[in-house]
Amino acid sequence: LDHTTIIAEDDPALQSFKQLDEDGVIQLRIIPDVGAEKFAEHIGSALDFWVHEETSGRCRLVSCEVREHERNSAIYYPPT
């Protein structure tokens, strides 16, 4: 996600961002929703799946915390 532009799939300017991506100006990532809570859920879900696969189920993700700044963060806890 570093050095990318992340846009919600329902963003009204999505087509403009897609054009910037096609022109090589940005690296675009489109996800269902944005915000600290949704970033934590998106990253946590992906990491939980990856950890489970890489360790043949021996390890699991306990939580994933995303911080926007010192006063705004969100924690995702995968379902058990």
Protein backbone atom coordinates (compact mmCIF):
# COMPACT_ATOMS: atom_id res chain seq x y z
CA LEU A 1 0.00 0.00 0.00
CA ASP A 2 3.02 2.26 0.36
CA HIS A 3 3.20 4.88 -2.40
CA THR A 4 -0.22 3.97 -3.80
CA THR A 5 -3.50 5.79 -4.13
CA ILE A 6 -6.39 3.99 -2.47
CA ILE A 7 -9.92 4.77 -3.59
CA ALA A 8 -13.30 3.33 -2.63
CA GLU A 9 -15.08 1.58 -5.45
CA ASP A 10 -17.98 4.03 -5.17
CA ASP A 11 -15.82 7.18 -5.24
CA PRO A 12 -17.41 9.74 -7.59
CA ALA A 13 -13.99 10.57 -9.10
CA LEU A 14 -13.03 6.91 -9.70
CA GLN A 15 -12.80 7.27 -13.49
CA SER A 16 -10.38 10.19 -13.14
CA PHE A 17 -8.17 8.14 -10.82
CA LYS A 18 -8.31 5.19 -13.22
CA GLN A 19 -7.08 7.46 -16.00
CA LEU A 20 -4.20 8.70 -13.83
CA ASP A 21 -3.31 5.06 -13.16
CA GLU A 22 -3.42 4.20 -16.88
CA ASP A 23 -1.21 7.24 -17.60
CA GLY A 24 1.35 5.99 -15.05
CA VAL A 25 0.92 8.99 -12.75
CA ILE A 26 -0.33 6.95 -9.77
CA GLN A 27 -0.53 3.33 -8.63
CA LEU A 28 -4.21 2.84 -7.94
CA ARG A 29 -5.77 0.38 -5.51
CA ILE A 30 -9.56 0.12 -5.46
CA ILE A 31 -11.22 -1.37 -2.39
CA PRO A 32 -14.87 -1.57 -1.27
CA ASP A 33 -14.61 1.08 1.47
CA VAL A 34 -11.98 3.41 2.95
CA GLY A 35 -11.24 4.76 6.42
CA ALA A 36 -9.19 3.48 9.35
CA GLU A 37 -11.75 0.83 10.28
CA LYS A 38 -12.01 -0.51 6.74
CA PHE A 39 -8.22 -0.40 6.18
CA ALA A 40 -7.70 -2.42 9.37
CA GLU A 41 -10.32 -4.94 8.26
CA HIS A 42 -8.98 -5.18 4.69
CA ILE A 43 -5.34 -5.61 5.74
CA GLY A 44 -6.21 -7.83 8.72
CA SER A 45 -8.33 -10.18 6.60
CA ALA A 46 -5.64 -10.48 3.94
CA LEU A 47 -2.90 -11.09 6.52
CA ASP A 48 -5.02 -13.58 8.45
CA PHE A 49 -5.54 -15.61 5.27
CA TRP A 50 -1.84 -15.39 4.34
CA VAL A 51 -0.61 -16.40 7.82
CA HIS A 52 -3.02 -19.33 7.91
CA GLU A 53 -1.90 -20.53 4.47
CA GLU A 54 1.85 -20.02 5.07
CA THR A 55 1.81 -21.86 8.41
CA SER A 56 -0.63 -24.63 7.45
CA GLY A 57 -2.99 -23.35 10.13
CA ARG A 58 -0.40 -23.39 12.94
CA CYS A 59 -0.50 -19.61 13.43
CA ARG A 60 -3.24 -17.02 13.28
CA LEU A 61 -3.60 -13.28 13.30
CA VAL A 62 -4.82 -11.94 16.63
CA SER A 63 -5.41 -8.32 15.61
CA CYS A 64 -4.44 -5.65 13.12
CA GLU A 65 -4.16 -2.00 14.16
CA VAL A 66 -4.12 0.88 11.68
CA ARG A 67 -3.26 4.41 12.77
CA GLU A 68 -4.11 7.46 10.69
CA HIS A 69 -2.43 9.75 13.21
CA GLU A 70 -1.94 9.95 16.99
CA ARG A 71 -5.64 10.52 17.67
CA ASN A 72 -7.27 8.16 15.17
CA SER A 73 -6.79 4.43 14.90
CA ALA A 74 -8.79 1.25 14.42
CA ILE A 75 -8.21 -2.37 15.43
CA TYR A 76 -9.55 -5.38 13.52
CA TYR A 77 -10.02 -8.71 15.27
CA PRO A 78 -10.55 -11.62 12.86
CA PRO A 79 -13.45 -13.93 13.62
CA THR A 80 -12.41 -16.97 15.64
